[in-house]
Amino acid sequence: VVHLAGAGVGERRWTEAYKKEIRDSRVLGTTAIARALAGLAEPPEALVCGTALGWYGDTGSRTVDESAPAGTGFLPSVCVEWEAAAAPAEEAGIRVTYARTGLVVARQGGAWGRLFPVFRAGLGGRMGDGRQYWSFISLHDEVAALRHLIDTPSLSGPVNLTAPEPVTNREVTAAMGRVLRRPTPFPVPAPALKLVLGDFAADVLGSQRVVPQRLLSSGFAFAFPTIDEAIRAAAPR
């Protein structure tokens, strides 16, 4: 069973009501699925449960892998509850893997679904000072990694789904300009992000330098490991 459902963290401004929707859609949904699977006469062999790199919070320039503890703040607390909600499945003997996914570079949806139109119009730029790390993964590699989690019996617990080399927002901006052949002259100041995004701005401006140690150790090979390759694979044509 693969469970990836949850309200989009970047879909709306973070009001208290929407923060509750973000949490409940993950925690309550996972609880319901885990309990249902645990109660089956013939439960599945594995549950791949989507979580996120939000678990780690802001890591600054420090590189972290799956052994790192949870960070502090709203998203880390949601991720901790999210993963804990799958406990009934684990207790029933089901192999549970937590797919801690980074920023997926995709043509539609998520962060890049919003970035592509802006950069193609020549209006893109760094966010804040641009020194924050973004841990990304191409859509192709995300799907391949999920299949790898399904097919690898030795993998349980947290597994980071992110490309091997995180990059700064400045590097992302430069790569978008190179691949799309557009100028990137318009930085977005931190106060403007806070005005538009509310509390979510802290996570956009935060830094997550996360590496996929367990994925690589289990033999997974990335098709698009660099930011240029990931953007080129997803760029609208």
Protein backbone atom coordinates (compact mmCIF):
# COMPACT_ATOMS: atom_id res chain seq x y z
CA VAL A 1 0.00 0.00 0.00
CA VAL A 2 1.32 3.44 -0.94
CA HIS A 3 -0.17 6.37 0.99
CA LEU A 4 0.83 9.89 -0.11
CA ALA A 5 -2.27 11.96 0.67
CA GLY A 6 -2.22 15.33 2.41
CA ALA A 7 -3.28 18.94 1.88
CA GLY A 8 -0.67 20.92 -0.06
CA VAL A 9 1.58 22.92 2.24
CA GLY A 10 2.08 25.67 -0.34
CA GLU A 11 -1.44 25.84 -1.72
CA ARG A 12 -2.72 28.62 0.54
CA ARG A 13 -1.59 31.18 3.07
CA TRP A 14 -1.01 29.49 6.43
CA THR A 15 -3.91 30.56 8.60
CA GLU A 16 -4.54 28.63 11.81
CA ALA A 17 -7.46 26.90 10.09
CA TYR A 18 -5.29 25.80 7.14
CA LYS A 19 -2.49 24.64 9.41
CA LYS A 20 -5.06 22.40 11.11
CA GLU A 21 -6.11 21.06 7.69
CA ILE A 22 -2.47 20.32 6.81
CA ARG A 23 -2.00 18.39 10.04
CA ASP A 24 -5.34 16.57 10.12
CA SER A 25 -5.20 15.49 6.46
CA ARG A 26 -1.93 13.70 7.21
CA VAL A 27 -2.30 12.43 10.75
CA LEU A 28 -5.96 11.39 10.69
CA GLY A 29 -5.69 9.87 7.21
CA THR A 30 -2.61 7.86 8.10
CA THR A 31 -4.19 6.68 11.36
CA ALA A 32 -7.28 5.45 9.50
CA ILE A 33 -5.23 3.59 6.87
CA ALA A 34 -2.81 2.04 9.38
CA ARG A 35 -5.64 0.79 11.57
CA ALA A 36 -7.54 -0.60 8.58
CA LEU A 37 -4.48 -2.48 7.33
CA ALA A 38 -3.69 -3.81 10.79
CA GLY A 39 -7.22 -5.22 11.03
CA LEU A 40 -7.09 -7.21 7.79
CA ALA A 41 -7.05 -10.98 7.95
CA GLU A 42 -4.31 -10.89 5.30
CA PRO A 43 -2.47 -7.57 5.68
CA PRO A 44 -0.16 -6.29 2.94
CA GLU A 45 3.57 -6.91 3.13
CA ALA A 46 4.45 -3.22 3.12
CA LEU A 47 3.10 0.28 3.67
CA VAL A 48 5.01 3.10 2.01
CA CYS A 49 3.87 6.22 3.83
CA GLY A 50 4.74 9.62 2.42
CA THR A 51 6.20 12.14 4.84
CA ALA A 52 8.58 15.03 4.16
CA LEU A 53 11.94 16.60 4.76
CA GLY A 54 10.01 18.99 6.98
CA TRP A 55 10.90 16.46 9.70
CA TYR A 56 14.38 18.02 10.01
CA GLY A 57 13.38 21.66 10.29
CA ASP A 58 15.98 24.30 9.40
CA THR A 59 19.41 22.62 9.22
CA GLY A 60 21.30 25.68 7.97
CA SER A 61 24.47 24.62 6.15
CA ARG A 62 24.71 21.39 8.16
CA THR A 63 24.27 18.20 6.13
CA VAL A 64 21.86 15.67 7.68
CA ASP A 65 20.71 12.15 6.86
CA GLU A 66 18.02 9.84 8.24
CA SER A 67 19.79 9.56 11.61
CA ALA A 68 19.15 13.23 12.44
CA PRO A 69 16.50 14.06 15.07
CA ALA A 70 13.35 16.01 14.33
CA GLY A 71 13.63 19.78 14.17
CA THR A 72 11.39 22.33 15.84
CA GLY A 73 8.42 24.24 14.48
CA PHE A 74 5.12 23.48 12.79
CA LEU A 75 6.24 21.20 9.92
CA PRO A 76 8.58 19.07 12.07
CA SER A 77 5.81 18.56 14.61
CA VAL A 78 3.40 17.54 11.82
CA CYS A 79 5.92 15.08 10.39
CA VAL A 80 6.54 13.51 13.80
CA GLU A 81 2.81 12.96 14.32
CA TRP A 82 2.41 11.82 10.71
CA GLU A 83 4.98 9.05 11.04
CA ALA A 84 3.76 8.04 14.50
CA ALA A 85 0.25 7.61 13.09
CA ALA A 86 1.44 4.55 11.11
CA ALA A 87 2.29 2.70 14.34
CA PRO A 88 -0.73 0.32 14.18
CA ALA A 89 0.57 -1.06 10.85
CA GLU A 90 4.07 -1.57 12.28
CA GLU A 91 2.66 -3.28 15.36
CA ALA A 92 0.75 -5.65 13.08
CA GLY A 93 4.02 -6.76 11.46
CA ILE A 94 3.69 -4.74 8.26
CA ARG A 95 6.95 -3.32 6.90
CA VAL A 96 6.46 0.46 7.06
CA THR A 97 8.74 2.83 5.16
CA TYR A 98 8.52 6.61 5.57
CA ALA A 99 9.29 8.39 2.30
CA ARG A 100 10.68 11.74 3.44
CA THR A 101 10.34 13.60 0.16
CA GLY A 102 12.13 16.83 -0.81
CA LEU A 103 11.04 19.50 -3.29
CA VAL A 104 9.86 17.62 -6.38
CA VAL A 105 10.94 19.23 -9.66
CA ALA A 106 7.83 18.74 -11.77
CA ARG A 107 6.14 20.61 -14.60
CA GLN A 108 2.87 20.90 -12.71
CA GLY A 109 2.03 21.06 -9.03
CA GLY A 110 4.17 21.81 -6.01
CA ALA A 111 6.80 24.53 -5.81
CA TRP A 112 8.17 24.08 -9.33
CA GLY A 113 4.71 24.18 -10.86
CA ARG A 114 4.60 27.78 -9.64
CA LEU A 115 8.23 28.62 -10.41
CA PHE A 116 8.28 27.60 -14.07
CA PRO A 117 5.74 30.21 -15.36
CA VAL A 118 7.48 33.00 -13.42
CA PHE A 119 10.96 32.10 -14.67
CA ARG A 120 9.79 31.50 -18.25
CA ALA A 121 8.38 35.04 -18.22
CA GLY A 122 11.82 36.34 -17.22
CA LEU A 123 10.57 37.44 -13.80
CA GLY A 124 12.39 34.90 -11.64
CA GLY A 125 14.97 35.52 -8.98
CA ARG A 126 16.37 34.28 -5.70
CA MET A 127 14.19 34.18 -2.58
CA GLY A 128 15.50 36.15 0.36
CA ASP A 129 19.30 36.10 0.40
CA GLY A 130 19.30 32.84 -1.62
CA ARG A 131 21.78 31.10 0.68
CA GLN A 132 19.23 28.60 2.00
CA TYR A 133 19.64 25.01 0.80
CA TRP A 134 16.90 23.33 -1.21
CA SER A 135 16.87 19.52 -1.22
CA PHE A 136 15.22 18.61 -4.52
CA ILE A 137 14.35 15.48 -6.50
CA SER A 138 13.13 15.06 -10.08
CA LEU A 139 9.63 13.67 -10.55
CA HIS A 140 11.10 10.71 -12.46
CA ASP A 141 13.42 9.85 -9.56
CA GLU A 142 10.66 10.37 -7.00
CA VAL A 143 8.47 7.76 -8.69
CA ALA A 144 11.43 5.42 -9.21
CA ALA A 145 12.43 5.79 -5.56
CA LEU A 146 8.90 4.95 -4.38
CA ARG A 147 9.01 1.81 -6.52
CA HIS A 148 12.40 1.03 -5.00
CA LEU A 149 10.92 1.30 -1.50
CA ILE A 150 8.16 -1.11 -2.49
CA ASP A 151 10.59 -3.62 -3.99
CA THR A 152 13.35 -3.54 -1.34
CA PRO A 153 12.37 -5.67 1.70
CA SER A 154 15.38 -4.46 3.69
CA LEU A 155 14.13 -0.86 3.72
CA SER A 156 11.89 0.17 6.58
CA GLY A 157 11.67 3.30 8.68
CA PRO A 158 12.67 6.72 7.31
CA VAL A 159 14.24 7.06 3.86
CA ASN A 160 15.06 10.47 2.39
CA LEU A 161 13.82 10.93 -1.18
CA THR A 162 16.04 13.74 -2.40
CA ALA A 163 18.87 14.11 -4.92
CA PRO A 164 22.42 13.42 -3.67
CA GLU A 165 23.61 17.06 -3.82
CA PRO A 166 21.35 19.72 -2.26
CA VAL A 167 21.82 23.20 -3.74
CA THR A 168 21.24 26.73 -2.53
CA ASN A 169 18.35 28.84 -3.74
CA ARG A 170 20.92 31.00 -5.55
CA GLU A 171 22.10 27.91 -7.43
CA VAL A 172 18.51 26.92 -8.23
CA THR A 173 17.89 30.41 -9.60
CA ALA A 174 21.01 30.26 -11.77
CA ALA A 175 20.07 26.79 -13.05
CA MET A 176 16.55 27.93 -13.95
CA GLY A 177 18.05 30.81 -15.91
CA ARG A 178 20.49 28.52 -17.74
CA VAL A 179 17.99 25.82 -18.65
CA LEU A 180 15.14 28.16 -19.59
CA ARG A 181 17.49 30.74 -21.17
CA ARG A 182 15.91 33.61 -19.30
CA PRO A 183 17.29 36.40 -17.13
CA THR A 184 16.74 36.11 -13.37
CA PRO A 185 16.83 39.74 -12.24
CA PHE A 186 14.05 39.94 -9.68
CA PRO A 187 14.90 38.75 -6.15
CA VAL A 188 11.95 38.34 -3.80
CA PRO A 189 12.71 40.08 -0.48
CA ALA A 190 12.00 38.14 2.70
CA PRO A 191 9.37 40.68 3.93
CA ALA A 192 7.40 40.24 0.69
CA LEU A 193 7.39 36.46 1.08
CA LYS A 194 6.17 36.81 4.66
CA LEU A 195 3.38 39.11 3.50
CA VAL A 196 2.18 36.68 0.83
CA LEU A 197 2.81 33.33 2.53
CA GLY A 198 2.37 34.07 6.23
CA ASP A 199 4.03 31.51 8.50
CA PHE A 200 4.98 29.34 5.48
CA ALA A 201 7.55 31.98 4.50
CA ALA A 202 9.80 30.80 7.33
CA ASP A 203 10.02 27.37 5.66
CA VAL A 204 10.62 28.82 2.18
CA LEU A 205 13.45 30.94 3.60
CA GLY A 206 14.71 28.12 5.83
CA SER A 207 17.56 25.85 4.81
CA GLN A 208 17.45 22.06 4.50
CA ARG A 209 20.64 20.33 3.43
CA VAL A 210 19.43 16.73 3.42
CA VAL A 211 21.09 13.73 1.76
CA PRO A 212 19.55 10.33 0.79
CA GLN A 213 22.00 8.12 2.65
CA ARG A 214 19.77 5.05 2.99
CA LEU A 215 18.51 5.26 -0.59
CA LEU A 216 22.04 5.33 -1.97
CA SER A 217 23.25 2.60 0.39
CA SER A 218 20.45 0.32 -0.83
CA GLY A 219 21.65 0.59 -4.44
CA PHE A 220 19.27 3.19 -5.87
CA ALA A 221 20.62 5.05 -8.93
CA PHE A 222 19.37 8.52 -9.79
CA ALA A 223 18.49 9.29 -13.41
CA PHE A 224 18.62 13.07 -12.88
CA PRO A 225 20.97 13.71 -9.94
CA THR A 226 21.87 17.38 -10.62
CA ILE A 227 19.65 20.44 -10.47
CA ASP A 228 20.22 21.25 -14.16
CA GLU A 229 19.25 17.72 -15.20
CA ALA A 230 16.15 17.74 -12.98
CA ILE A 231 14.97 21.10 -14.31
CA ARG A 232 15.69 20.11 -17.93
CA ALA A 233 13.66 16.91 -17.51
CA ALA A 234 10.67 18.84 -16.18
CA ALA A 235 10.86 22.10 -18.14
CA PRO A 236 7.76 22.89 -20.24
CA ARG A 237 8.42 22.53 -23.96
